[in-house]
PDB file of N, CA and C in Angstrom:
ATOM      1  N   UNK A   1       0.851  -1.173   0.000  1.00  0.00           N
ATOM      2  CA  UNK A   1       0.000   0.000   0.000  1.00  0.00           C
ATOM      3  C   UNK A   1       0.895   1.234   0.000  1.00  0.00           C
ATOM      4  N   UNK A   2       0.654   2.164  -0.900  1.00  0.00           N
ATOM      5  CA  UNK A   2       1.499   3.353  -0.978  1.00  0.00           C
ATOM      6  C   UNK A   2       0.882   4.502  -0.197  1.00  0.00           C
ATOM      7  N   UNK A   3       1.732   5.337   0.307  1.00  0.00           N
ATOM      8  CA  UNK A   3       1.303   6.515   1.060  1.00  0.00           C
ATOM      9  C   UNK A   3       1.056   7.644   0.074  1.00  0.00           C
ATOM     10  N   UNK A   4      -0.153   8.172   0.029  1.00  0.00           N
ATOM     11  CA  UNK A   4      -0.484   9.222  -0.935  1.00  0.00           C
ATOM     12  C   UNK A   4      -0.403  10.617  -0.325  1.00  0.00           C
ATOM     13  N   UNK A   5       0.183  10.713   0.864  1.00  0.00           N
ATOM     14  CA  UNK A   5       0.346  12.021   1.492  1.00  0.00           C
ATOM     15  C   UNK A   5       1.317  12.847   0.665  1.00  0.00           C
ATOM     16  N   UNK A   6       0.903  14.068   0.257  1.00  0.00           N
ATOM     17  CA  UNK A   6       1.804  14.868  -0.568  1.00  0.00           C
ATOM     18  C   UNK A   6       3.067  15.252   0.198  1.00  0.00           C
ATOM     19  N   UNK A   7       4.172  15.213  -0.504  1.00  0.00           N
ATOM     20  CA  UNK A   7       5.429  15.678   0.068  1.00  0.00           C
ATOM     21  C   UNK A   7       5.606  17.138  -0.311  1.00  0.00           C
ATOM     22  N   UNK A   8       6.442  17.873   0.404  1.00  0.00           N
ATOM     23  CA  UNK A   8       6.640  19.281   0.063  1.00  0.00           C
ATOM     24  C   UNK A   8       7.029  19.496  -1.395  1.00  0.00           C
ATOM     25  N   UNK A   9       7.814  18.582  -1.973  1.00  0.00           N
ATOM     26  CA  UNK A   9       8.242  18.739  -3.362  1.00  0.00           C
ATOM     27  C   UNK A   9       7.098  18.542  -4.346  1.00  0.00           C
ATOM     28  N   UNK A  10       6.053  17.803  -3.952  1.00  0.00           N
ATOM     29  CA  UNK A  10       4.967  17.537  -4.889  1.00  0.00           C
ATOM     30  C   UNK A  10       3.737  18.397  -4.617  1.00  0.00           C
ATOM     31  N   UNK A  11       3.754  19.179  -3.554  1.00  0.00           N
ATOM     32  CA  UNK A  11       2.623  20.037  -3.235  1.00  0.00           C
ATOM     33  C   UNK A  11       2.590  21.214  -4.203  1.00  0.00           C
ATOM     34  N   UNK A  12       1.490  21.386  -4.945  1.00  0.00           N
ATOM     35  CA  UNK A  12       1.412  22.512  -5.883  1.00  0.00           C
ATOM     36  C   UNK A  12       1.443  23.850  -5.134  1.00  0.00           C
ATOM     37  N   UNK A  13       2.168  24.798  -5.683  1.00  0.00           N
ATOM     38  CA  UNK A  13       2.262  26.134  -5.112  1.00  0.00           C
ATOM     39  C   UNK A  13       1.647  27.136  -6.075  1.00  0.00           C
ATOM     40  N   UNK A  14       1.125  28.232  -5.548  1.00  0.00           N
ATOM     41  CA  UNK A  14       0.568  29.281  -6.406  1.00  0.00           C
ATOM     42  C   UNK A  14       1.081  30.640  -5.948  1.00  0.00           C
ATOM     43  N   UNK A  15       1.052  31.578  -6.863  1.00  0.00           N
ATOM     44  CA  UNK A  15       1.433  32.958  -6.554  1.00  0.00           C
ATOM     45  C   UNK A  15       0.641  33.854  -7.492  1.00  0.00           C
ATOM     46  N   UNK A  16       0.000  34.868  -6.951  1.00  0.00           N
ATOM     47  CA  UNK A  16      -0.731  35.839  -7.758  1.00  0.00           C
ATOM     48  C   UNK A  16       0.209  36.970  -8.149  1.00  0.00           C
ATOM     49  N   UNK A  17       0.126  37.375  -9.417  1.00  0.00           N
ATOM     50  CA  UNK A  17       0.950  38.463  -9.937  1.00  0.00           C
ATOM     51  C   UNK A  17       0.074  39.386 -10.771  1.00  0.00           C
ATOM     52  N   UNK A  18       0.562  40.600 -10.974  1.00  0.00           N
ATOM     53  CA  UNK A  18      -0.121  41.568 -11.830  1.00  0.00           C
ATOM     54  C   UNK A  18       0.831  41.978 -12.936  1.00  0.00           C
ATOM     55  N   UNK A  19       0.315  42.080 -14.150  1.00  0.00           N
ATOM     56  CA  UNK A  19       1.124  42.530 -15.283  1.00  0.00           C
ATOM     57  C   UNK A  19       1.286  44.041 -15.155  1.00  0.00           C
ATOM     58  N   UNK A  20       2.498  44.493 -14.899  1.00  0.00           N
ATOM     59  CA  UNK A  20       2.757  45.902 -14.638  1.00  0.00           C
ATOM     60  C   UNK A  20       3.347  46.652 -15.827  1.00  0.00           C
ATOM     61  N   UNK A  21       3.997  45.926 -16.743  1.00  0.00           N
ATOM     62  CA  UNK A  21       4.609  46.632 -17.869  1.00  0.00           C
ATOM     63  C   UNK A  21       3.537  47.153 -18.819  1.00  0.00           C
ATOM     64  N   UNK A  22       3.805  48.284 -19.401  1.00  0.00           N
ATOM     65  CA  UNK A  22       2.826  49.052 -20.179  1.00  0.00           C
ATOM     66  C   UNK A  22       2.130  48.253 -21.283  1.00  0.00           C
ATOM     67  N   UNK A  23       2.879  47.437 -22.009  1.00  0.00           N
ATOM     68  CA  UNK A  23       2.298  46.749 -23.164  1.00  0.00           C
ATOM     69  C   UNK A  23       1.913  45.298 -22.881  1.00  0.00           C
ATOM     70  N   UNK A  24       1.979  44.890 -21.641  1.00  0.00           N
ATOM     71  CA  UNK A  24       1.534  43.549 -21.281  1.00  0.00           C
ATOM     72  C   UNK A  24       2.483  42.462 -21.759  1.00  0.00           C
ATOM     73  N   UNK A  25       1.956  41.253 -21.814  1.00  0.00           N
ATOM     74  CA  UNK A  25       2.769  40.108 -22.226  1.00  0.00           C
ATOM     75  C   UNK A  25       2.678  39.974 -23.741  1.00  0.00           C
ATOM     76  N   UNK A  26       3.589  40.639 -24.416  1.00  0.00           N
ATOM     77  CA  UNK A  26       3.717  40.523 -25.869  1.00  0.00           C
ATOM     78  C   UNK A  26       4.897  39.595 -26.142  1.00  0.00           C
ATOM     79  N   UNK A  27       5.411  39.572 -27.351  1.00  0.00           N
ATOM     80  CA  UNK A  27       6.421  38.580 -27.738  1.00  0.00           C
ATOM     81  C   UNK A  27       7.666  38.589 -26.848  1.00  0.00           C
ATOM     82  N   UNK A  28       8.217  39.758 -26.556  1.00  0.00           N
ATOM     83  CA  UNK A  28       9.459  39.797 -25.780  1.00  0.00           C
ATOM     84  C   UNK A  28       9.281  39.306 -24.342  1.00  0.00           C
ATOM     85  N   UNK A  29       8.301  39.813 -23.589  1.00  0.00           N
ATOM     86  CA  UNK A  29       8.102  39.267 -22.242  1.00  0.00           C
ATOM     87  C   UNK A  29       7.722  37.783 -22.253  1.00  0.00           C
ATOM     88  N   UNK A  30       6.952  37.365 -23.251  1.00  0.00           N
ATOM     89  CA  UNK A  30       6.579  35.949 -23.336  1.00  0.00           C
ATOM     90  C   UNK A  30       7.824  35.090 -23.540  1.00  0.00           C
ATOM     91  N   UNK A  31       8.723  35.535 -24.414  1.00  0.00           N
ATOM     92  CA  UNK A  31       9.960  34.787 -24.651  1.00  0.00           C
ATOM     93  C   UNK A  31      10.813  34.734 -23.385  1.00  0.00           C
ATOM     94  N   UNK A  32      10.862  35.834 -22.649  1.00  0.00           N
ATOM     95  CA  UNK A  32      11.626  35.870 -21.402  1.00  0.00           C
ATOM     96  C   UNK A  32      11.006  34.941 -20.354  1.00  0.00           C
ATOM     97  N   UNK A  33       9.681  34.909 -20.284  1.00  0.00           N
ATOM     98  CA  UNK A  33       9.002  33.985 -19.364  1.00  0.00           C
ATOM     99  C   UNK A  33       9.326  32.536 -19.712  1.00  0.00           C
ATOM    100  N   UNK A  34       9.244  32.193 -20.999  1.00  0.00           N
ATOM    101  CA  UNK A  34       9.522  30.823 -21.438  1.00  0.00           C
ATOM    102  C   UNK A  34      10.971  30.454 -21.128  1.00  0.00           C
ATOM    103  N   UNK A  35      11.892  31.348 -21.465  1.00  0.00           N
ATOM    104  CA  UNK A  35      13.316  31.083 -21.216  1.00  0.00           C
ATOM    105  C   UNK A  35      13.569  30.866 -19.725  1.00  0.00           C
ATOM    106  N   UNK A  36      12.973  31.702 -18.899  1.00  0.00           N
ATOM    107  CA  UNK A  36      13.168  31.601 -17.453  1.00  0.00           C
ATOM    108  C   UNK A  36      12.497  30.346 -16.898  1.00  0.00           C
ATOM    109  N   UNK A  37      11.255  30.098 -17.276  1.00  0.00           N
ATOM    110  CA  UNK A  37      10.528  28.922 -16.778  1.00  0.00           C
ATOM    111  C   UNK A  37      11.219  27.625 -17.189  1.00  0.00           C
ATOM    112  N   UNK A  38      11.811  27.620 -18.371  1.00  0.00           N
ATOM    113  CA  UNK A  38      12.455  26.409 -18.884  1.00  0.00           C
ATOM    114  C   UNK A  38      13.717  26.033 -18.114  1.00  0.00           C
ATOM    115  N   UNK A  39      14.237  26.934 -17.307  1.00  0.00           N
ATOM    116  CA  UNK A  39      15.412  26.627 -16.476  1.00  0.00           C
ATOM    117  C   UNK A  39      15.061  25.699 -15.318  1.00  0.00           C
ATOM    118  N   UNK A  40      13.778  25.570 -15.030  1.00  0.00           N
ATOM    119  CA  UNK A  40      13.339  24.805 -13.863  1.00  0.00           C
ATOM    120  C   UNK A  40      12.746  23.464 -14.272  1.00  0.00           C
ATOM    121  N   UNK A  41      12.901  22.480 -13.395  1.00  0.00           N
ATOM    122  CA  UNK A  41      12.309  21.161 -13.630  1.00  0.00           C
ATOM    123  C   UNK A  41      10.820  21.162 -13.309  1.00  0.00           C
ATOM    124  N   UNK A  42      10.385  22.090 -12.493  1.00  0.00           N
ATOM    125  CA  UNK A  42       8.986  22.162 -12.062  1.00  0.00           C
ATOM    126  C   UNK A  42       8.049  22.307 -13.260  1.00  0.00           C
ATOM    127  N   UNK A  43       6.844  21.790 -13.089  1.00  0.00           N
ATOM    128  CA  UNK A  43       5.773  22.065 -14.048  1.00  0.00           C
ATOM    129  C   UNK A  43       5.204  23.420 -13.664  1.00  0.00           C
ATOM    130  N   UNK A  44       5.134  24.333 -14.631  1.00  0.00           N
ATOM    131  CA  UNK A  44       4.717  25.699 -14.336  1.00  0.00           C
ATOM    132  C   UNK A  44       3.608  26.102 -15.301  1.00  0.00           C
ATOM    133  N   UNK A  45       2.534  26.627 -14.735  1.00  0.00           N
ATOM    134  CA  UNK A  45       1.411  27.100 -15.535  1.00  0.00           C
ATOM    135  C   UNK A  45       1.055  28.512 -15.116  1.00  0.00           C
ATOM    136  N   UNK A  46       0.479  29.263 -16.044  1.00  0.00           N
ATOM    137  CA  UNK A  46      -0.026  30.599 -15.754  1.00  0.00           C
ATOM    138  C   UNK A  46      -1.509  30.588 -16.068  1.00  0.00           C
ATOM    139  N   UNK A  47      -2.301  31.127 -15.149  1.00  0.00           N
ATOM    140  CA  UNK A  47      -3.760  31.087 -15.265  1.00  0.00           C
ATOM    141  C   UNK A  47      -4.339  32.492 -15.271  1.00  0.00           C
ATOM    142  N   UNK A  48      -5.325  32.672 -16.150  1.00  0.00           N
ATOM    143  CA  UNK A  48      -6.110  33.908 -16.157  1.00  0.00           C
ATOM    144  C   UNK A  48      -7.563  33.525 -16.403  1.00  0.00           C
ATOM    145  N   UNK A  49      -8.435  33.962 -15.525  1.00  0.00           N
ATOM    146  CA  UNK A  49      -9.874  33.696 -15.652  1.00  0.00           C
ATOM    147  C   UNK A  49     -10.178  32.218 -15.880  1.00  0.00           C
ATOM    148  N   UNK A  50      -9.492  31.352 -15.152  1.00  0.00           N
ATOM    149  CA  UNK A  50      -9.758  29.923 -15.235  1.00  0.00           C
ATOM    150  C   UNK A  50      -9.082  29.204 -16.383  1.00  0.00           C
ATOM    151  N   UNK A  51      -8.381  29.924 -17.251  1.00  0.00           N
ATOM    152  CA  UNK A  51      -7.672  29.308 -18.372  1.00  0.00           C
ATOM    153  C   UNK A  51      -6.201  29.195 -17.998  1.00  0.00           C
ATOM    154  N   UNK A  52      -5.674  27.962 -18.029  1.00  0.00           N
ATOM    155  CA  UNK A  52      -4.270  27.719 -17.683  1.00  0.00           C
ATOM    156  C   UNK A  52      -3.477  27.414 -18.942  1.00  0.00           C
ATOM    157  N   UNK A  53      -2.279  28.008 -19.020  1.00  0.00           N
ATOM    158  CA  UNK A  53      -1.368  27.702 -20.122  1.00  0.00           C
ATOM    159  C   UNK A  53      -0.009  27.326 -19.541  1.00  0.00           C
ATOM    160  N   UNK A  54       0.714  26.531 -20.281  1.00  0.00           N
ATOM    161  CA  UNK A  54       2.044  26.105 -19.872  1.00  0.00           C
ATOM    162  C   UNK A  54       2.995  27.293 -19.977  1.00  0.00           C
ATOM    163  N   UNK A  55       3.692  27.616 -18.896  1.00  0.00           N
ATOM    164  CA  UNK A  55       4.610  28.761 -18.889  1.00  0.00           C
ATOM    165  C   UNK A  55       5.848  28.511 -19.740  1.00  0.00           C
ATOM    166  N   UNK A  56       6.020  27.291 -20.217  1.00  0.00           N
ATOM    167  CA  UNK A  56       7.164  26.966 -21.067  1.00  0.00           C
ATOM    168  C   UNK A  56       6.765  26.948 -22.539  1.00  0.00           C
ATOM    169  N   UNK A  57       5.559  27.432 -22.842  1.00  0.00           N
ATOM    170  CA  UNK A  57       5.038  27.469 -24.213  1.00  0.00           C
ATOM    171  C   UNK A  57       4.762  28.905 -24.630  1.00  0.00           C
ATOM    172  N   UNK A  58       5.529  29.404 -25.582  1.00  0.00           N
ATOM    173  CA  UNK A  58       5.331  30.786 -26.013  1.00  0.00           C
ATOM    174  C   UNK A  58       3.952  30.975 -26.637  1.00  0.00           C
ATOM    175  N   UNK A  59       3.473  29.990 -27.365  1.00  0.00           N
ATOM    176  CA  UNK A  59       2.147  30.119 -27.986  1.00  0.00           C
ATOM    177  C   UNK A  59       1.062  30.214 -26.919  1.00  0.00           C
ATOM    178  N   UNK A  60       1.178  29.425 -25.881  1.00  0.00           N
ATOM    179  CA  UNK A  60       0.210  29.498 -24.792  1.00  0.00           C
ATOM    180  C   UNK A  60       0.219  30.860 -24.129  1.00  0.00           C
ATOM    181  N   UNK A  61       1.412  31.371 -23.857  1.00  0.00           N
ATOM    182  CA  UNK A  61       1.524  32.669 -23.186  1.00  0.00           C
ATOM    183  C   UNK A  61       0.955  33.797 -24.034  1.00  0.00           C
ATOM    184  N   UNK A  62       1.134  33.721 -25.337  1.00  0.00           N
ATOM    185  CA  UNK A  62       0.627  34.786 -26.207  1.00  0.00           C
ATOM    186  C   UNK A  62      -0.890  34.755 -26.330  1.00  0.00           C
ATOM    187  N   UNK A  63      -1.514  33.645 -25.959  1.00  0.00           N
ATOM    188  CA  UNK A  63      -2.975  33.552 -26.053  1.00  0.00           C
ATOM    189  C   UNK A  63      -3.685  33.918 -24.756  1.00  0.00           C
ATOM    190  N   UNK A  64      -2.946  34.152 -23.689  1.00  0.00           N
ATOM    191  CA  UNK A  64      -3.586  34.351 -22.385  1.00  0.00           C
ATOM    192  C   UNK A  64      -4.094  35.778 -22.169  1.00  0.00           C
ATOM    193  N   UNK A  65      -3.815  36.677 -23.079  1.00  0.00           N
ATOM    194  CA  UNK A  65      -4.276  38.067 -22.972  1.00  0.00           C
ATOM    195  C   UNK A  65      -3.801  38.712 -21.678  1.00  0.00           C
ATOM    196  N   UNK A  66      -2.494  38.716 -21.500  1.00  0.00           N
ATOM    197  CA  UNK A  66      -1.902  39.324 -20.315  1.00  0.00           C
ATOM    198  C   UNK A  66      -1.653  40.803 -20.524  1.00  0.00           C
ATOM    199  N   UNK A  67      -2.720  41.568 -20.626  1.00  0.00           N
ATOM    200  CA  UNK A  67      -2.615  43.010 -20.843  1.00  0.00           C
ATOM    201  C   UNK A  67      -2.149  43.714 -19.579  1.00  0.00           C
ATOM    202  N   UNK A  68      -1.744  44.963 -19.721  1.00  0.00           N
ATOM    203  CA  UNK A  68      -1.343  45.774 -18.570  1.00  0.00           C
ATOM    204  C   UNK A  68      -2.463  45.752 -17.525  1.00  0.00           C
ATOM    205  N   UNK A  69      -2.101  45.466 -16.295  1.00  0.00           N
ATOM    206  CA  UNK A  69      -3.070  45.420 -15.205  1.00  0.00           C
ATOM    207  C   UNK A  69      -3.735  44.075 -14.996  1.00  0.00           C
ATOM    208  N   UNK A  70      -3.513  43.124 -15.904  1.00  0.00           N
ATOM    209  CA  UNK A  70      -4.132  41.800 -15.767  1.00  0.00           C
ATOM    210  C   UNK A  70      -3.600  41.099 -14.523  1.00  0.00           C
ATOM    211  N   UNK A  71      -4.504  40.415 -13.832  1.00  0.00           N
ATOM    212  CA  UNK A  71      -4.112  39.614 -12.666  1.00  0.00           C
ATOM    213  C   UNK A  71      -4.014  38.163 -13.112  1.00  0.00           C
ATOM    214  N   UNK A  72      -2.868  37.577 -12.845  1.00  0.00           N
ATOM    215  CA  UNK A  72      -2.600  36.202 -13.248  1.00  0.00           C
ATOM    216  C   UNK A  72      -2.219  35.390 -12.019  1.00  0.00           C
ATOM    217  N   UNK A  73      -2.404  34.094 -12.119  1.00  0.00           N
ATOM    218  CA  UNK A  73      -1.984  33.195 -11.039  1.00  0.00           C
ATOM    219  C   UNK A  73      -0.940  32.235 -11.606  1.00  0.00           C
ATOM    220  N   UNK A  74       0.203  32.179 -10.951  1.00  0.00           N
ATOM    221  CA  UNK A  74       1.258  31.242 -11.312  1.00  0.00           C
ATOM    222  C   UNK A  74       1.056  29.959 -10.513  1.00  0.00           C
ATOM    223  N   UNK A  75       1.193  28.819 -11.173  1.00  0.00           N
ATOM    224  CA  UNK A  75       1.089  27.506 -10.533  1.00  0.00           C
ATOM    225  C   UNK A  75       2.389  26.762 -10.804  1.00  0.00           C
ATOM    226  N   UNK A  76       2.931  26.114  -9.802  1.00  0.00           N
ATOM    227  CA  UNK A  76       4.139  25.311 -10.007  1.00  0.00           C
ATOM    228  C   UNK A  76       4.120  24.111  -9.078  1.00  0.00           C
ATOM    229  N   UNK A  77       4.641  22.999  -9.574  1.00  0.00           N
ATOM    230  CA  UNK A  77       4.804  21.807  -8.747  1.00  0.00           C
ATOM    231  C   UNK A  77       6.097  21.120  -9.165  1.00  0.00           C
ATOM    232  N   UNK A  78       6.759  20.546  -8.184  1.00  0.00           N
ATOM    233  CA  UNK A  78       8.037  19.887  -8.437  1.00  0.00           C
ATOM    234  C   UNK A  78       9.072  20.352  -7.436  1.00  0.00           C
ATOM    235  N   UNK A  79      10.240  19.753  -7.519  1.00  0.00           N
ATOM    236  CA  UNK A  79      11.287  19.990  -6.525  1.00  0.00           C
ATOM    237  C   UNK A  79      11.714  21.445  -6.425  1.00  0.00           C
ATOM    238  N   UNK A  80      11.730  22.172  -7.529  1.00  0.00           N
ATOM    239  CA  UNK A  80      12.184  23.564  -7.502  1.00  0.00           C
ATOM    240  C   UNK A  80      11.038  24.551  -7.735  1.00  0.00           C
ATOM    241  N   UNK A  81       9.832  24.152  -7.368  1.00  0.00           N
ATOM    242  CA  UNK A  81       8.642  24.976  -7.618  1.00  0.00           C
ATOM    243  C   UNK A  81       8.708  26.322  -6.907  1.00  0.00           C
ATOM    244  N   UNK A  82       9.128  26.345  -5.663  1.00  0.00           N
ATOM    245  CA  UNK A  82       9.175  27.609  -4.916  1.00  0.00           C
ATOM    246  C   UNK A  82      10.159  28.583  -5.549  1.00  0.00           C
ATOM    247  N   UNK A  83      11.321  28.083  -5.925  1.00  0.00           N
ATOM    248  CA  UNK A  83      12.321  28.938  -6.576  1.00  0.00           C
ATOM    249  C   UNK A  83      11.802  29.444  -7.922  1.00  0.00           C
ATOM    250  N   UNK A  84      11.115  28.579  -8.655  1.00  0.00           N
ATOM    251  CA  UNK A  84      10.558  28.977  -9.950  1.00  0.00           C
ATOM    252  C   UNK A  84       9.544  30.105  -9.777  1.00  0.00           C
ATOM    253  N   UNK A  85       8.640  29.967  -8.811  1.00  0.00           N
ATOM    254  CA  UNK A  85       7.641  31.014  -8.590  1.00  0.00           C
ATOM    255  C   UNK A  85       8.293  32.318  -8.159  1.00  0.00           C
ATOM    256  N   UNK A  86       9.282  32.247  -7.284  1.00  0.00           N
ATOM    257  CA  UNK A  86       9.982  33.461  -6.852  1.00  0.00           C
ATOM    258  C   UNK A  86      10.623  34.168  -8.042  1.00  0.00           C
ATOM    259  N   UNK A  87      11.290  33.402  -8.886  1.00  0.00           N
ATOM    260  CA  UNK A  87      11.997  33.968 -10.034  1.00  0.00           C
ATOM    261  C   UNK A  87      11.024  34.575 -11.040  1.00  0.00           C
ATOM    262  N   UNK A  88       9.940  33.871 -11.335  1.00  0.00           N
ATOM    263  CA  UNK A  88       8.961  34.391 -12.295  1.00  0.00           C
ATOM    264  C   UNK A  88       8.240  35.611 -11.736  1.00  0.00           C
ATOM    265  N   UNK A  89       7.908  35.586 -10.460  1.00  0.00           N
ATOM    266  CA  UNK A  89       7.244  36.744  -9.852  1.00  0.00           C
ATOM    267  C   UNK A  89       8.136  37.979  -9.931  1.00  0.00           C
ATOM    268  N   UNK A  90       9.439  37.794  -9.801  1.00  0.00           N
ATOM    269  CA  UNK A  90      10.370  38.921  -9.924  1.00  0.00           C
ATOM    270  C   UNK A  90      10.319  39.537 -11.312  1.00  0.00           C
ATOM    271  N   UNK A  91      10.161  38.706 -12.341  1.00  0.00           N
ATOM    272  CA  UNK A  91      10.037  39.247 -13.703  1.00  0.00           C
ATOM    273  C   UNK A  91       8.832  40.175 -13.803  1.00  0.00           C
ATOM    274  N   UNK A  92       7.712  39.754 -13.224  1.00  0.00           N
ATOM    275  CA  UNK A  92       6.513  40.595 -13.248  1.00  0.00           C
ATOM    276  C   UNK A  92       6.751  41.883 -12.466  1.00  0.00           C
ATOM    277  N   UNK A  93       7.357  41.761 -11.281  1.00  0.00           N
ATOM    278  CA  UNK A  93       7.618  42.936 -10.442  1.00  0.00           C
ATOM    279  C   UNK A  93       8.574  43.910 -11.124  1.00  0.00           C
ATOM    280  N   UNK A  94       9.520  43.375 -11.887  1.00  0.00           N
ATOM    281  CA  UNK A  94      10.504  44.214 -12.579  1.00  0.00           C
ATOM    282  C   UNK A  94      10.030  44.637 -13.967  1.00  0.00           C
ATOM    283  N   UNK A  95       8.764  44.370 -14.253  1.00  0.00           N
ATOM    284  CA  UNK A  95       8.139  44.769 -15.525  1.00  0.00           C
ATOM    285  C   UNK A  95       8.866  44.204 -16.739  1.00  0.00           C
ATOM    286  N   UNK A  96       9.429  43.032 -16.572  1.00  0.00           N
ATOM    287  CA  UNK A  96      10.155  42.364 -17.652  1.00  0.00           C
ATOM    288  C   UNK A  96      11.273  43.241 -18.208  1.00  0.00           C
ATOM    289  N   UNK A  97      11.796  44.107 -17.359  1.00  0.00           N
ATOM    290  CA  UNK A  97      12.890  45.022 -17.708  1.00  0.00           C
ATOM    291  C   UNK A  97      12.493  46.004 -18.805  1.00  0.00           C
ATOM    292  N   UNK A  98      11.203  46.278 -18.899  1.00  0.00           N
ATOM    293  CA  UNK A  98      10.682  47.293 -19.820  1.00  0.00           C
ATOM    294  C   UNK A  98      10.280  48.512 -18.994  1.00  0.00           C
ATOM    295  N   UNK A  99       9.753  49.521 -19.645  1.00  0.00           N
ATOM    296  CA  UNK A  99       9.271  50.757 -18.999  1.00  0.00           C
ATOM    297  C   UNK A  99      10.403  51.479 -18.316  1.00  0.00           C
TER     298      UNK A  99
END
């Protein structure tokens, strides 16, 4: 019989962020998100209004309508999930180095 109690590494984590850069998530910020998310082993998703997209997929990110002021939820699970969320949240806080 296996123990199905979640371990800290497998417990999904979330973080709410706001798109602060003037032009939202267009090609350049989306590429930076994908590049950054791809450094982590964690599964990472970004959600807006109940729609989740893979943070490692540029096409998914470009379809999420991350306009200026949009509120998004980051989801991550895996061994480095907390570090991944911290790093991605910093990109949002730093406006993707725009503005």
